[in-house]
Every structure is written in C-alpha cells, then in structure tokens.
Amino acid sequence: MNTSTHPLLHNVSVKPQANVYFDGKCVSHSITFSDGTSKSVGVIFPSTLTFNTGAPEIMECVGGSCEYKLDGSDAWLRSNEGEKFNVPGNTKFQIRVTEGFQAYHYICHFG
C-alpha cells in the first residue's frame, strides 16, 4: 500500500529502521525505488548541523524551512517548503533550523 502524497515517492521500499544522527536532531528513512535508486526522507529539529557528502545531493524541502551554508561560502541561504538546493559531492554543508520555527522536513535526492 502506498499512502504517499508526494509524486516522487511511489512504488518504493522503505527501510523501517530509522537513521538517527546528531543525538536525534536529524532522523531519516532510506527508500529504494524499483530501478535501484535511493533517496532518504527525514526531519531536522532545531539545531545547526554539519553534513558530509559523498555523491552530489539535492535537498528538497517538503515542510518547514531551514537555512543552509555550502562549504566555502559565508552566506546562509533560506530554503522553504517547495524549494530545493544542490550540494556538490565530496564536500560538506551546514543546515540551521532555528528554535521557534517548524522542523525542516526533507527528501534527499542522491545523484
């Protein structure tokens, strides 16, 4: 049964055990499509976190908002619901979710 309301999340298998990072400030689930590609869906609670990438990523905001800073930049940029931002491979980036704001809900597209 597929109960997803997101058009990109149909016909997937979900790893039921959560990926828990940063003492529970980021929780995600890995999903795999029938063609073998994978994504993760998750939530980041108020905090400032640094992530490392292997492959390039696209972070898609599906609820709430965050600010992010790519490696090598001093600028914090905002990502709101319905927006995406690209992160190069083999780098790091920061995400900041401010207290008082709704948690940042995302889909991470690997590629």
N, C-alpha and C. Protein backbone atom coordinates (compact mmCIF):
# COMPACT_ATOMS: atom_id res chain seq x y z
N MET A 1 0.85 -1.18 0.00
CA MET A 1 0.00 0.00 0.00
C MET A 1 0.88 1.23 0.00
N ASN A 2 0.60 2.18 -0.86
CA ASN A 2 1.37 3.41 -0.93
C ASN A 2 0.48 4.55 -0.48
N THR A 3 0.81 5.18 0.64
CA THR A 3 0.00 6.27 1.16
C THR A 3 0.67 7.62 0.97
N SER A 4 1.74 7.67 0.19
CA SER A 4 2.47 8.91 -0.03
C SER A 4 1.63 9.90 -0.81
N THR A 5 1.74 11.18 -0.42
CA THR A 5 1.10 12.24 -1.18
C THR A 5 2.11 12.98 -2.04
N HIS A 6 3.34 12.57 -2.01
CA HIS A 6 4.38 13.21 -2.81
C HIS A 6 4.53 12.45 -4.12
N PRO A 7 4.50 13.15 -5.26
CA PRO A 7 4.52 12.46 -6.55
C PRO A 7 5.80 11.66 -6.83
N LEU A 8 6.89 11.92 -6.13
CA LEU A 8 8.13 11.20 -6.39
C LEU A 8 8.31 9.97 -5.51
N LEU A 9 7.36 9.67 -4.65
CA LEU A 9 7.54 8.59 -3.69
C LEU A 9 6.54 7.46 -3.89
N HIS A 10 6.44 6.98 -5.11
CA HIS A 10 5.55 5.87 -5.42
C HIS A 10 6.38 4.63 -5.76
N ASN A 11 5.83 3.46 -5.44
CA ASN A 11 6.48 2.18 -5.73
C ASN A 11 7.89 2.11 -5.17
N VAL A 12 8.00 2.34 -3.86
CA VAL A 12 9.28 2.30 -3.18
C VAL A 12 9.25 1.28 -2.06
N SER A 13 10.43 0.83 -1.66
CA SER A 13 10.54 0.05 -0.43
C SER A 13 11.23 0.95 0.59
N VAL A 14 10.81 0.83 1.83
CA VAL A 14 11.30 1.69 2.90
C VAL A 14 12.05 0.85 3.92
N LYS A 15 13.22 1.29 4.27
CA LYS A 15 13.96 0.65 5.36
C LYS A 15 13.27 1.10 6.66
N PRO A 16 12.64 0.19 7.40
CA PRO A 16 11.84 0.60 8.54
C PRO A 16 12.64 1.13 9.72
N GLN A 17 13.92 0.74 9.83
CA GLN A 17 14.74 1.26 10.92
C GLN A 17 15.23 2.65 10.55
N ALA A 18 15.00 3.61 11.43
CA ALA A 18 15.38 5.00 11.18
C ALA A 18 16.89 5.18 11.26
N ASN A 19 17.39 6.13 10.48
CA ASN A 19 18.76 6.62 10.59
C ASN A 19 18.70 7.80 11.56
N VAL A 20 19.34 7.71 12.69
CA VAL A 20 19.29 8.76 13.71
C VAL A 20 20.67 9.37 13.83
N TYR A 21 20.76 10.68 13.60
CA TYR A 21 22.03 11.40 13.62
C TYR A 21 21.98 12.53 14.63
N PHE A 22 23.15 12.95 15.07
CA PHE A 22 23.28 14.14 15.92
C PHE A 22 22.36 14.07 17.14
N ASP A 23 22.43 12.95 17.86
CA ASP A 23 21.65 12.76 19.10
C ASP A 23 20.15 12.99 18.87
N GLY A 24 19.65 12.56 17.72
CA GLY A 24 18.22 12.64 17.44
C GLY A 24 17.76 13.95 16.81
N LYS A 25 18.68 14.84 16.51
CA LYS A 25 18.28 16.11 15.88
C LYS A 25 17.96 15.95 14.40
N CYS A 26 18.41 14.84 13.80
CA CYS A 26 18.09 14.50 12.41
C CYS A 26 17.71 13.03 12.37
N VAL A 27 16.52 12.76 11.84
CA VAL A 27 16.02 11.39 11.73
C VAL A 27 15.54 11.19 10.30
N SER A 28 16.00 10.12 9.66
CA SER A 28 15.58 9.87 8.28
C SER A 28 15.33 8.39 8.06
N HIS A 29 14.67 8.11 6.94
CA HIS A 29 14.46 6.73 6.49
C HIS A 29 14.98 6.62 5.07
N SER A 30 15.64 5.52 4.78
CA SER A 30 16.14 5.25 3.43
C SER A 30 15.04 4.59 2.63
N ILE A 31 14.88 5.04 1.38
CA ILE A 31 13.90 4.44 0.49
C ILE A 31 14.60 4.03 -0.80
N THR A 32 14.14 2.94 -1.39
CA THR A 32 14.73 2.43 -2.62
C THR A 32 13.62 2.26 -3.65
N PHE A 33 13.87 2.73 -4.86
CA PHE A 33 12.93 2.62 -5.96
C PHE A 33 13.15 1.32 -6.71
N SER A 34 12.18 0.93 -7.50
CA SER A 34 12.26 -0.34 -8.23
C SER A 34 13.45 -0.38 -9.19
N ASP A 35 13.96 0.79 -9.62
CA ASP A 35 15.12 0.82 -10.52
C ASP A 35 16.45 0.79 -9.75
N GLY A 36 16.39 0.70 -8.42
CA GLY A 36 17.59 0.62 -7.61
C GLY A 36 18.09 1.94 -7.07
N THR A 37 17.55 3.07 -7.52
CA THR A 37 17.98 4.36 -6.98
C THR A 37 17.45 4.53 -5.57
N SER A 38 18.13 5.36 -4.80
CA SER A 38 17.71 5.57 -3.42
C SER A 38 17.65 7.05 -3.08
N LYS A 39 16.86 7.33 -2.06
CA LYS A 39 16.70 8.67 -1.51
C LYS A 39 16.54 8.49 -0.01
N SER A 40 16.54 9.57 0.70
CA SER A 40 16.15 9.50 2.11
C SER A 40 15.11 10.58 2.36
N VAL A 41 14.22 10.28 3.27
CA VAL A 41 13.21 11.24 3.70
C VAL A 41 13.39 11.43 5.20
N GLY A 42 13.33 12.67 5.65
CA GLY A 42 13.61 12.87 7.06
C GLY A 42 13.18 14.22 7.59
N VAL A 43 13.60 14.45 8.81
CA VAL A 43 13.27 15.69 9.51
C VAL A 43 14.49 16.12 10.32
N ILE A 44 14.70 17.44 10.36
CA ILE A 44 15.75 18.02 11.20
C ILE A 44 15.06 18.96 12.17
N PHE A 45 15.34 18.74 13.45
CA PHE A 45 14.77 19.56 14.51
C PHE A 45 15.68 20.75 14.79
N PRO A 46 15.21 21.79 15.51
CA PRO A 46 16.03 22.98 15.73
C PRO A 46 17.45 22.66 16.19
N SER A 47 18.41 23.12 15.38
CA SER A 47 19.83 22.87 15.61
C SER A 47 20.62 23.45 14.45
N THR A 48 21.93 23.41 14.56
CA THR A 48 22.83 23.70 13.45
C THR A 48 23.71 22.47 13.28
N LEU A 49 23.64 21.84 12.11
CA LEU A 49 24.31 20.57 11.87
C LEU A 49 25.21 20.66 10.64
N THR A 50 26.30 19.91 10.64
CA THR A 50 27.20 19.84 9.50
C THR A 50 27.15 18.43 8.93
N PHE A 51 26.87 18.34 7.63
CA PHE A 51 26.78 17.07 6.92
C PHE A 51 27.93 16.96 5.92
N ASN A 52 28.43 15.76 5.72
CA ASN A 52 29.42 15.46 4.69
C ASN A 52 28.72 14.72 3.57
N THR A 53 29.11 14.99 2.34
CA THR A 53 28.52 14.30 1.19
C THR A 53 29.56 13.44 0.50
N GLY A 54 29.09 12.35 -0.08
CA GLY A 54 29.91 11.55 -0.98
C GLY A 54 29.52 11.92 -2.40
N ALA A 55 28.30 11.59 -2.76
CA ALA A 55 27.75 11.95 -4.08
C ALA A 55 27.05 13.30 -3.97
N PRO A 56 26.83 13.97 -5.11
CA PRO A 56 26.04 15.19 -5.09
C PRO A 56 24.64 14.90 -4.54
N GLU A 57 24.04 15.90 -3.91
CA GLU A 57 22.71 15.76 -3.33
C GLU A 57 21.84 16.94 -3.72
N ILE A 58 20.55 16.68 -3.79
CA ILE A 58 19.56 17.74 -3.90
C ILE A 58 18.68 17.63 -2.67
N MET A 59 18.62 18.68 -1.89
CA MET A 59 17.79 18.72 -0.70
C MET A 59 16.49 19.43 -1.06
N GLU A 60 15.39 18.69 -0.94
CA GLU A 60 14.06 19.22 -1.27
C GLU A 60 13.27 19.41 0.02
N CYS A 61 12.83 20.64 0.26
CA CYS A 61 12.05 20.94 1.46
C CYS A 61 10.58 20.61 1.20
N VAL A 62 10.02 19.71 2.02
CA VAL A 62 8.61 19.34 1.88
C VAL A 62 7.78 19.83 3.07
N GLY A 63 8.41 20.52 4.01
CA GLY A 63 7.71 21.10 5.14
C GLY A 63 8.67 21.89 6.00
N GLY A 64 8.18 22.98 6.57
CA GLY A 64 9.04 23.82 7.40
C GLY A 64 10.03 24.60 6.55
N SER A 65 11.17 24.92 7.14
CA SER A 65 12.20 25.66 6.42
C SER A 65 13.53 25.49 7.14
N CYS A 66 14.59 25.88 6.45
CA CYS A 66 15.93 25.86 7.05
C CYS A 66 16.75 26.95 6.39
N GLU A 67 17.90 27.17 6.96
CA GLU A 67 18.94 27.95 6.31
C GLU A 67 20.09 26.99 6.09
N TYR A 68 20.83 27.20 5.01
CA TYR A 68 21.95 26.31 4.71
C TYR A 68 23.13 27.13 4.23
N LYS A 69 24.31 26.58 4.45
CA LYS A 69 25.55 27.22 4.02
C LYS A 69 26.41 26.15 3.39
N LEU A 70 26.76 26.35 2.13
CA LEU A 70 27.62 25.41 1.41
C LEU A 70 29.07 25.63 1.80
N ASP A 71 29.86 24.58 1.73
CA ASP A 71 31.28 24.66 2.04
C ASP A 71 31.95 25.72 1.17
N GLY A 72 32.76 26.55 1.78
CA GLY A 72 33.47 27.60 1.05
C GLY A 72 32.70 28.91 0.95
N SER A 73 31.47 28.94 1.47
CA SER A 73 30.66 30.15 1.43
C SER A 73 30.45 30.67 2.85
N ASP A 74 30.30 31.97 2.98
CA ASP A 74 29.98 32.58 4.27
C ASP A 74 28.50 32.92 4.36
N ALA A 75 27.76 32.72 3.27
CA ALA A 75 26.36 33.14 3.20
C ALA A 75 25.41 32.02 3.63
N TRP A 76 24.51 32.36 4.53
CA TRP A 76 23.41 31.47 4.89
C TRP A 76 22.25 31.78 3.95
N LEU A 77 21.72 30.77 3.29
CA LEU A 77 20.60 30.93 2.36
C LEU A 77 19.40 30.18 2.93
N ARG A 78 18.20 30.64 2.60
CA ARG A 78 16.98 30.04 3.15
C ARG A 78 16.36 29.09 2.13
N SER A 79 15.82 27.98 2.63
CA SER A 79 15.07 27.04 1.81
C SER A 79 13.72 26.81 2.50
N ASN A 80 12.65 27.13 1.78
CA ASN A 80 11.30 26.99 2.29
C ASN A 80 10.59 25.83 1.62
N GLU A 81 9.42 25.48 2.14
CA GLU A 81 8.63 24.40 1.58
C GLU A 81 8.46 24.59 0.08
N GLY A 82 8.71 23.51 -0.69
CA GLY A 82 8.59 23.56 -2.15
C GLY A 82 9.87 23.96 -2.86
N GLU A 83 10.90 24.31 -2.09
CA GLU A 83 12.17 24.72 -2.70
C GLU A 83 13.22 23.63 -2.54
N LYS A 84 14.26 23.69 -3.38
CA LYS A 84 15.36 22.72 -3.37
C LYS A 84 16.68 23.48 -3.40
N PHE A 85 17.72 22.81 -2.92
CA PHE A 85 19.07 23.33 -3.12
C PHE A 85 20.01 22.18 -3.40
N ASN A 86 21.05 22.48 -4.18
CA ASN A 86 22.03 21.48 -4.63
C ASN A 86 23.29 21.54 -3.77
N VAL A 87 23.80 20.36 -3.46
CA VAL A 87 25.04 20.25 -2.71
C VAL A 87 26.00 19.40 -3.54
N PRO A 88 27.20 19.91 -3.83
CA PRO A 88 28.17 19.12 -4.60
C PRO A 88 28.60 17.86 -3.83
N GLY A 89 29.16 16.90 -4.55
CA GLY A 89 29.69 15.70 -3.93
C GLY A 89 31.03 15.95 -3.27
N ASN A 90 31.40 15.09 -2.35
CA ASN A 90 32.68 15.14 -1.66
C ASN A 90 32.96 16.49 -1.02
N THR A 91 31.98 16.99 -0.30
CA THR A 91 32.11 18.27 0.39
C THR A 91 31.32 18.20 1.68
N LYS A 92 31.06 19.34 2.28
CA LYS A 92 30.22 19.41 3.46
C LYS A 92 29.33 20.64 3.35
N PHE A 93 28.27 20.62 4.14
CA PHE A 93 27.38 21.78 4.20
C PHE A 93 26.74 21.82 5.57
N GLN A 94 26.26 23.00 5.92
CA GLN A 94 25.59 23.17 7.21
C GLN A 94 24.11 23.44 6.98
N ILE A 95 23.28 22.95 7.88
CA ILE A 95 21.85 23.26 7.90
C ILE A 95 21.55 23.82 9.28
N ARG A 96 20.78 24.92 9.29
CA ARG A 96 20.38 25.55 10.54
C ARG A 96 18.86 25.64 10.57
N VAL A 97 18.27 25.05 11.60
CA VAL A 97 16.83 25.17 11.85
C VAL A 97 16.71 25.93 13.16
N THR A 98 16.05 27.06 13.12
CA THR A 98 16.00 27.96 14.26
C THR A 98 14.89 27.58 15.22
N GLU A 99 15.17 27.70 16.52
CA GLU A 99 14.15 27.47 17.55
C GLU A 99 12.93 28.34 17.24
N GLY A 100 11.77 27.80 17.48
CA GLY A 100 10.54 28.56 17.24
C GLY A 100 9.98 28.35 15.84
N PHE A 101 10.80 27.80 14.94
CA PHE A 101 10.33 27.50 13.59
C PHE A 101 9.96 26.03 13.51
N GLN A 102 9.09 25.72 12.58
CA GLN A 102 8.73 24.33 12.37
C GLN A 102 9.95 23.55 11.92
N ALA A 103 10.05 22.30 12.29
CA ALA A 103 11.16 21.45 11.87
C ALA A 103 11.24 21.42 10.34
N TYR A 104 12.43 21.12 9.83
CA TYR A 104 12.69 21.04 8.40
C TYR A 104 12.47 19.60 7.95
N HIS A 105 11.45 19.39 7.12
CA HIS A 105 11.14 18.07 6.56
C HIS A 105 11.68 18.03 5.14
N TYR A 106 12.37 16.95 4.78
CA TYR A 106 13.08 16.95 3.50
C TYR A 106 13.04 15.60 2.80
N ILE A 107 13.34 15.65 1.51
CA ILE A 107 13.72 14.49 0.72
C ILE A 107 15.11 14.78 0.20
N CYS A 108 16.02 13.85 0.44
CA CYS A 108 17.39 13.99 -0.07
C CYS A 108 17.51 13.10 -1.30
N HIS A 109 17.75 13.72 -2.45
CA HIS A 109 17.93 13.02 -3.72
C HIS A 109 19.43 12.87 -3.94
N PHE A 110 19.89 11.62 -4.04
CA PHE A 110 21.31 11.37 -4.26
C PHE A 110 21.55 11.24 -5.76
N GLY A 111 22.69 11.72 -6.20
CA GLY A 111 22.95 11.57 -7.61
C GLY A 111 24.26 12.03 -7.97
